Amino acid sequence: AHIPDSGMFSSGSAQLTESGLRVVTKLAQLYAKPAAADASDQRRILLVGHSDATGPAELNLRLSEQRARAVGKVLVASGIPASSIYYQGAGSSRPIADNSDPLLRGQNRRVEIVELANEQALVMRAQSEENNTRYLRYGASDTAKPRVAATKPAAQSASGSSKVAATSQTAPHQPAA
């Protein structure tokens, strides 16, 4: 699931905005409802955080994982076991909006929720994306990107929920110290 709220996070912040918290809470309640006992015990949720391209790439990578963890706290509070939630920071490597436009770049400050059937699916996903440099071409620049030709399906350019940036890290939930 992708939360299409450009106001989910303020620039430079990992704290959910009031509207972002409302949307994530509603989603968390949906994910917390058990489908089938066997399926929900095996299910893994990968939270992939993103940032816009303002600021240093290293900071954006760290911030994006912090955003994923902020969403994870809401999921745990809704009853989803912390042991089934994994986090990943993609930084600014997978924009869905033009970072050079201040009115659009907020759409890149987001968290994607990827539901996987089990831990094996999570491992397979991480392995398949390990060497994927497709998204690294964007880097941490706030200059305008070339426009995509109109013949390319819009869903293809915004379907990042099935891809992982090579520079990001997948890590199981670690309890806070």
C-alpha atoms as a PDB file:
ATOM      1  CA  ALA A   1       0.000   0.000   0.000  1.00  0.00           C
ATOM      2  CA  HIS A   2       1.172   3.489  -0.735  1.00  0.00           C
ATOM      3  CA  ILE A   3      -0.247   6.312   1.309  1.00  0.00           C
ATOM      4  CA  PRO A   4      -0.912   9.091  -1.243  1.00  0.00           C
ATOM      5  CA  ASP A   5      -0.797  11.963   1.224  1.00  0.00           C
ATOM      6  CA  SER A   6       1.809  14.557   0.307  1.00  0.00           C
ATOM      7  CA  GLY A   7       1.523  15.863   3.857  1.00  0.00           C
ATOM      8  CA  MET A   8       2.558  12.633   5.581  1.00  0.00           C
ATOM      9  CA  PHE A   9       5.846  14.106   6.891  1.00  0.00           C
ATOM     10  CA  SER A  10       7.270  17.608   7.021  1.00  0.00           C
ATOM     11  CA  SER A  11      10.609  18.210   5.338  1.00  0.00           C
ATOM     12  CA  GLY A  12      13.469  16.919   7.487  1.00  0.00           C
ATOM     13  CA  SER A  13      11.100  15.230   9.960  1.00  0.00           C
ATOM     14  CA  ALA A  14      10.336  11.621  10.822  1.00  0.00           C
ATOM     15  CA  GLN A  15       7.256  12.594  12.833  1.00  0.00           C
ATOM     16  CA  LEU A  16       3.926  11.898  11.157  1.00  0.00           C
ATOM     17  CA  THR A  17       1.798  14.960  10.556  1.00  0.00           C
ATOM     18  CA  GLU A  18      -1.684  14.984  12.055  1.00  0.00           C
ATOM     19  CA  SER A  19      -3.260  13.989   8.721  1.00  0.00           C
ATOM     20  CA  GLY A  20      -0.537  11.392   8.106  1.00  0.00           C
ATOM     21  CA  LEU A  21      -1.179   9.839  11.503  1.00  0.00           C
ATOM     22  CA  ARG A  22      -4.930   9.615  10.784  1.00  0.00           C
ATOM     23  CA  VAL A  23      -4.335   7.818   7.486  1.00  0.00           C
ATOM     24  CA  VAL A  24      -1.719   5.439   8.911  1.00  0.00           C
ATOM     25  CA  THR A  25      -3.944   4.627  11.909  1.00  0.00           C
ATOM     26  CA  LYS A  26      -6.808   3.666   9.581  1.00  0.00           C
ATOM     27  CA  LEU A  27      -4.494   1.465   7.516  1.00  0.00           C
ATOM     28  CA  ALA A  28      -3.020  -0.105  10.648  1.00  0.00           C
ATOM     29  CA  GLN A  29      -6.489  -1.079  11.846  1.00  0.00           C
ATOM     30  CA  LEU A  30      -7.138  -2.797   8.512  1.00  0.00           C
ATOM     31  CA  TYR A  31      -3.840  -4.687   8.644  1.00  0.00           C
ATOM     32  CA  ALA A  32      -4.451  -5.684  12.261  1.00  0.00           C
ATOM     33  CA  LYS A  33      -7.684  -7.520  11.424  1.00  0.00           C
ATOM     34  CA  PRO A  34      -6.785 -11.206  11.142  1.00  0.00           C
ATOM     35  CA  ALA A  35      -7.601 -12.697   7.753  1.00  0.00           C
ATOM     36  CA  ALA A  36      -6.887 -16.341   8.468  1.00  0.00           C
ATOM     37  CA  ALA A  37      -5.048 -17.520  11.562  1.00  0.00           C
ATOM     38  CA  ASP A  38      -2.354 -19.353   9.585  1.00  0.00           C
ATOM     39  CA  ALA A  39      -1.824 -16.507   7.119  1.00  0.00           C
ATOM     40  CA  SER A  40      -1.549 -13.720   9.683  1.00  0.00           C
ATOM     41  CA  ASP A  41       1.003 -15.690  11.760  1.00  0.00           C
ATOM     42  CA  GLN A  42       3.280 -16.051   8.721  1.00  0.00           C
ATOM     43  CA  ARG A  43       2.688 -12.588   7.239  1.00  0.00           C
ATOM     44  CA  ARG A  44       5.557 -10.115   7.174  1.00  0.00           C
ATOM     45  CA  ILE A  45       5.189  -6.386   6.649  1.00  0.00           C
ATOM     46  CA  LEU A  46       8.011  -4.411   5.096  1.00  0.00           C
ATOM     47  CA  LEU A  47       7.854  -0.656   5.648  1.00  0.00           C
ATOM     48  CA  VAL A  48       9.892   1.244   3.073  1.00  0.00           C
ATOM     49  CA  GLY A  49      10.554   4.862   3.977  1.00  0.00           C
ATOM     50  CA  HIS A  50      11.376   7.558   1.413  1.00  0.00           C
ATOM     51  CA  SER A  51      12.548  11.152   1.416  1.00  0.00           C
ATOM     52  CA  ASP A  52      12.720  14.024  -1.021  1.00  0.00           C
ATOM     53  CA  ALA A  53      16.131  14.912  -2.463  1.00  0.00           C
ATOM     54  CA  THR A  54      16.807  18.018  -0.398  1.00  0.00           C
ATOM     55  CA  GLY A  55      19.777  17.555   1.905  1.00  0.00           C
ATOM     56  CA  PRO A  56      22.671  15.074   1.895  1.00  0.00           C
ATOM     57  CA  ALA A  57      22.017  11.531   0.641  1.00  0.00           C
ATOM     58  CA  GLU A  58      23.275   9.945   3.886  1.00  0.00           C
ATOM     59  CA  LEU A  59      20.874  12.053   5.962  1.00  0.00           C
ATOM     60  CA  ASN A  60      17.967  11.208   3.623  1.00  0.00           C
ATOM     61  CA  LEU A  61      18.711   7.497   3.903  1.00  0.00           C
ATOM     62  CA  ARG A  62      18.686   7.674   7.713  1.00  0.00           C
ATOM     63  CA  LEU A  63      15.576   9.877   7.751  1.00  0.00           C
ATOM     64  CA  SER A  64      13.697   7.530   5.429  1.00  0.00           C
ATOM     65  CA  GLU A  65      14.269   4.575   7.769  1.00  0.00           C
ATOM     66  CA  GLN A  66      13.180   6.693  10.737  1.00  0.00           C
ATOM     67  CA  ARG A  67       9.955   7.443   8.848  1.00  0.00           C
ATOM     68  CA  ALA A  68       9.387   3.737   8.272  1.00  0.00           C
ATOM     69  CA  ARG A  69       9.885   3.118  11.994  1.00  0.00           C
ATOM     70  CA  ALA A  70       7.407   5.908  12.864  1.00  0.00           C
ATOM     71  CA  VAL A  71       4.763   4.133  10.789  1.00  0.00           C
ATOM     72  CA  GLY A  72       5.794   0.837  12.408  1.00  0.00           C
ATOM     73  CA  LYS A  73       5.018   2.229  15.869  1.00  0.00           C
ATOM     74  CA  VAL A  74       1.456   2.929  14.738  1.00  0.00           C
ATOM     75  CA  LEU A  75       1.104  -0.609  13.337  1.00  0.00           C
ATOM     76  CA  VAL A  76       2.374  -2.133  16.588  1.00  0.00           C
ATOM     77  CA  ALA A  77       0.014   0.056  18.625  1.00  0.00           C
ATOM     78  CA  SER A  78      -2.844  -1.325  16.497  1.00  0.00           C
ATOM     79  CA  GLY A  79      -1.991  -4.909  17.429  1.00  0.00           C
ATOM     80  CA  ILE A  80       0.380  -6.048  14.685  1.00  0.00           C
ATOM     81  CA  PRO A  81       3.222  -8.063  16.254  1.00  0.00           C
ATOM     82  CA  ALA A  82       6.512  -6.131  16.181  1.00  0.00           C
ATOM     83  CA  SER A  83       8.266  -9.370  15.186  1.00  0.00           C
ATOM     84  CA  SER A  84       6.448  -9.373  11.830  1.00  0.00           C
ATOM     85  CA  ILE A  85       7.471  -5.816  10.862  1.00  0.00           C
ATOM     86  CA  TYR A  86      10.664  -5.026   8.947  1.00  0.00           C
ATOM     87  CA  TYR A  87      12.073  -1.626   8.047  1.00  0.00           C
ATOM     88  CA  GLN A  88      13.942  -0.230   5.096  1.00  0.00           C
ATOM     89  CA  GLY A  89      15.165   3.232   4.211  1.00  0.00           C
ATOM     90  CA  ALA A  90      15.332   4.051   0.508  1.00  0.00           C
ATOM     91  CA  GLY A  91      16.376   7.690   0.921  1.00  0.00           C
ATOM     92  CA  SER A  92      15.635   9.815  -2.115  1.00  0.00           C
ATOM     93  CA  SER A  93      16.448   7.028  -4.574  1.00  0.00           C
ATOM     94  CA  ARG A  94      12.856   6.391  -5.712  1.00  0.00           C
ATOM     95  CA  PRO A  95      11.023   9.652  -6.289  1.00  0.00           C
ATOM     96  CA  ILE A  96       7.424   9.642  -7.475  1.00  0.00           C
ATOM     97  CA  ALA A  97       7.388  13.423  -7.972  1.00  0.00           C
ATOM     98  CA  ASP A  98       9.795  16.026  -9.310  1.00  0.00           C
ATOM     99  CA  ASN A  99      12.168  17.052  -6.513  1.00  0.00           C
ATOM    100  CA  SER A 100      12.979  20.344  -8.244  1.00  0.00           C
ATOM    101  CA  ASP A 101       9.399  21.530  -7.737  1.00  0.00           C
ATOM    102  CA  PRO A 102       8.776  22.631  -4.118  1.00  0.00           C
ATOM    103  CA  LEU A 103       5.037  22.043  -4.568  1.00  0.00           C
ATOM    104  CA  LEU A 104       5.529  18.427  -5.659  1.00  0.00           C
ATOM    105  CA  ARG A 105       8.558  17.171  -3.726  1.00  0.00           C
ATOM    106  CA  GLY A 106       6.472  16.541  -0.583  1.00  0.00           C
ATOM    107  CA  GLN A 107       4.974  13.532  -2.362  1.00  0.00           C
ATOM    108  CA  ASN A 108       8.391  11.865  -2.098  1.00  0.00           C
ATOM    109  CA  ARG A 109       8.273  12.009   1.718  1.00  0.00           C
ATOM    110  CA  ARG A 110       6.318   8.807   2.183  1.00  0.00           C
ATOM    111  CA  VAL A 111       6.272   5.240   3.510  1.00  0.00           C
ATOM    112  CA  GLU A 112       5.211   2.247   1.443  1.00  0.00           C
ATOM    113  CA  ILE A 113       3.683  -0.763   3.172  1.00  0.00           C
ATOM    114  CA  VAL A 114       4.558  -4.050   1.496  1.00  0.00           C
ATOM    115  CA  GLU A 115       2.730  -7.122   2.737  1.00  0.00           C
ATOM    116  CA  LEU A 116       4.551 -10.407   2.167  1.00  0.00           C
ATOM    117  CA  ALA A 117       3.153 -13.893   2.697  1.00  0.00           C
ATOM    118  CA  ASN A 118       6.011 -15.109   4.892  1.00  0.00           C
ATOM    119  CA  GLU A 119       9.657 -14.628   5.838  1.00  0.00           C
ATOM    120  CA  GLN A 120      10.837 -16.578   2.778  1.00  0.00           C
ATOM    121  CA  ALA A 121       9.101 -14.033   0.518  1.00  0.00           C
ATOM    122  CA  LEU A 122      10.856 -11.249   2.435  1.00  0.00           C
ATOM    123  CA  VAL A 123      14.256 -12.894   1.940  1.00  0.00           C
ATOM    124  CA  MET A 124      13.558 -13.485  -1.764  1.00  0.00           C
ATOM    125  CA  ARG A 125      12.600  -9.848  -2.216  1.00  0.00           C
ATOM    126  CA  ALA A 126      15.763  -8.611  -0.520  1.00  0.00           C
ATOM    127  CA  GLN A 127      17.943 -10.941  -2.598  1.00  0.00           C
ATOM    128  CA  SER A 128      16.311  -9.957  -5.885  1.00  0.00           C
ATOM    129  CA  GLU A 129      16.902  -6.289  -5.180  1.00  0.00           C
ATOM    130  CA  GLU A 130      20.387  -6.580  -3.720  1.00  0.00           C
ATOM    131  CA  ASN A 131      22.149  -5.413  -6.879  1.00  0.00           C
ATOM    132  CA  ASN A 132      19.375  -3.252  -8.315  1.00  0.00           C
ATOM    133  CA  THR A 133      20.901   0.119  -9.192  1.00  0.00           C
ATOM    134  CA  ARG A 134      17.951   1.214 -11.349  1.00  0.00           C
ATOM    135  CA  TYR A 135      16.837   3.853  -8.859  1.00  0.00           C
ATOM    136  CA  LEU A 136      20.268   5.133  -7.893  1.00  0.00           C
ATOM    137  CA  ARG A 137      20.426   7.398 -10.955  1.00  0.00           C
ATOM    138  CA  TYR A 138      18.348   9.984  -9.100  1.00  0.00           C
ATOM    139  CA  GLY A 139      20.817  10.438  -6.251  1.00  0.00           C
ATOM    140  CA  ALA A 140      20.331  13.424  -3.980  1.00  0.00           C
ATOM    141  CA  SER A 141      19.909  16.225  -6.465  1.00  0.00           C
ATOM    142  CA  ASP A 142      17.127  18.781  -6.482  1.00  0.00           C
ATOM    143  CA  THR A 143      17.594  19.590 -10.163  1.00  0.00           C
ATOM    144  CA  ALA A 144      14.809  18.793 -12.603  1.00  0.00           C
ATOM    145  CA  LYS A 145      14.721  15.244 -13.934  1.00  0.00           C
ATOM    146  CA  PRO A 146      14.052  14.428 -17.589  1.00  0.00           C
ATOM    147  CA  ARG A 147      10.359  13.975 -18.300  1.00  0.00           C
ATOM    148  CA  VAL A 148       9.156  10.475 -19.101  1.00  0.00           C
ATOM    149  CA  ALA A 149       7.585  10.009 -22.536  1.00  0.00           C
ATOM    150  CA  ALA A 150       3.785  10.163 -22.546  1.00  0.00           C
ATOM    151  CA  THR A 151       3.561   6.640 -23.978  1.00  0.00           C
ATOM    152  CA  LYS A 152       5.024   5.073 -20.854  1.00  0.00           C
ATOM    153  CA  PRO A 153       2.251   3.818 -18.512  1.00  0.00           C
ATOM    154  CA  ALA A 154       1.952   5.998 -15.419  1.00  0.00           C
ATOM    155  CA  ALA A 155       1.608   2.942 -13.173  1.00  0.00           C
ATOM    156  CA  GLN A 156       5.057   1.740 -14.216  1.00  0.00           C
ATOM    157  CA  SER A 157       6.833   4.880 -13.019  1.00  0.00           C
ATOM    158  CA  ALA A 158       4.972   5.026  -9.705  1.00  0.00           C
ATOM    159  CA  SER A 159       4.831   1.322  -8.887  1.00  0.00           C
ATOM    160  CA  GLY A 160       7.866   1.343  -6.596  1.00  0.00           C
ATOM    161  CA  SER A 161       6.165  -0.838  -3.976  1.00  0.00           C
ATOM    162  CA  SER A 162       7.687  -3.979  -5.505  1.00  0.00           C
ATOM    163  CA  LYS A 163      11.241  -2.643  -5.761  1.00  0.00           C
ATOM    164  CA  VAL A 164      13.931  -1.912  -3.181  1.00  0.00           C
ATOM    165  CA  ALA A 165      16.794   0.557  -3.584  1.00  0.00           C
ATOM    166  CA  ALA A 166      20.219  -1.067  -3.484  1.00  0.00           C
ATOM    167  CA  THR A 167      21.585   1.404  -0.925  1.00  0.00           C
ATOM    168  CA  SER A 168      18.842   0.758   1.591  1.00  0.00           C
ATOM    169  CA  GLN A 169      18.947  -1.664   4.460  1.00  0.00           C
ATOM    170  CA  THR A 170      16.337  -4.204   5.487  1.00  0.00           C
ATOM    171  CA  ALA A 171      16.427  -4.842   9.203  1.00  0.00           C
ATOM    172  CA  PRO A 172      14.114  -6.629  11.597  1.00  0.00           C
ATOM    173  CA  HIS A 173      12.445  -4.551  14.281  1.00  0.00           C
ATOM    174  CA  GLN A 174      14.809  -3.807  17.127  1.00  0.00           C
ATOM    175  CA  PRO A 175      13.200  -2.941  20.475  1.00  0.00           C
ATOM    176  CA  ALA A 176      14.066   0.543  21.652  1.00  0.00           C
ATOM    177  CA  ALA A 177      16.690   0.728  24.348  1.00  0.00           C
END
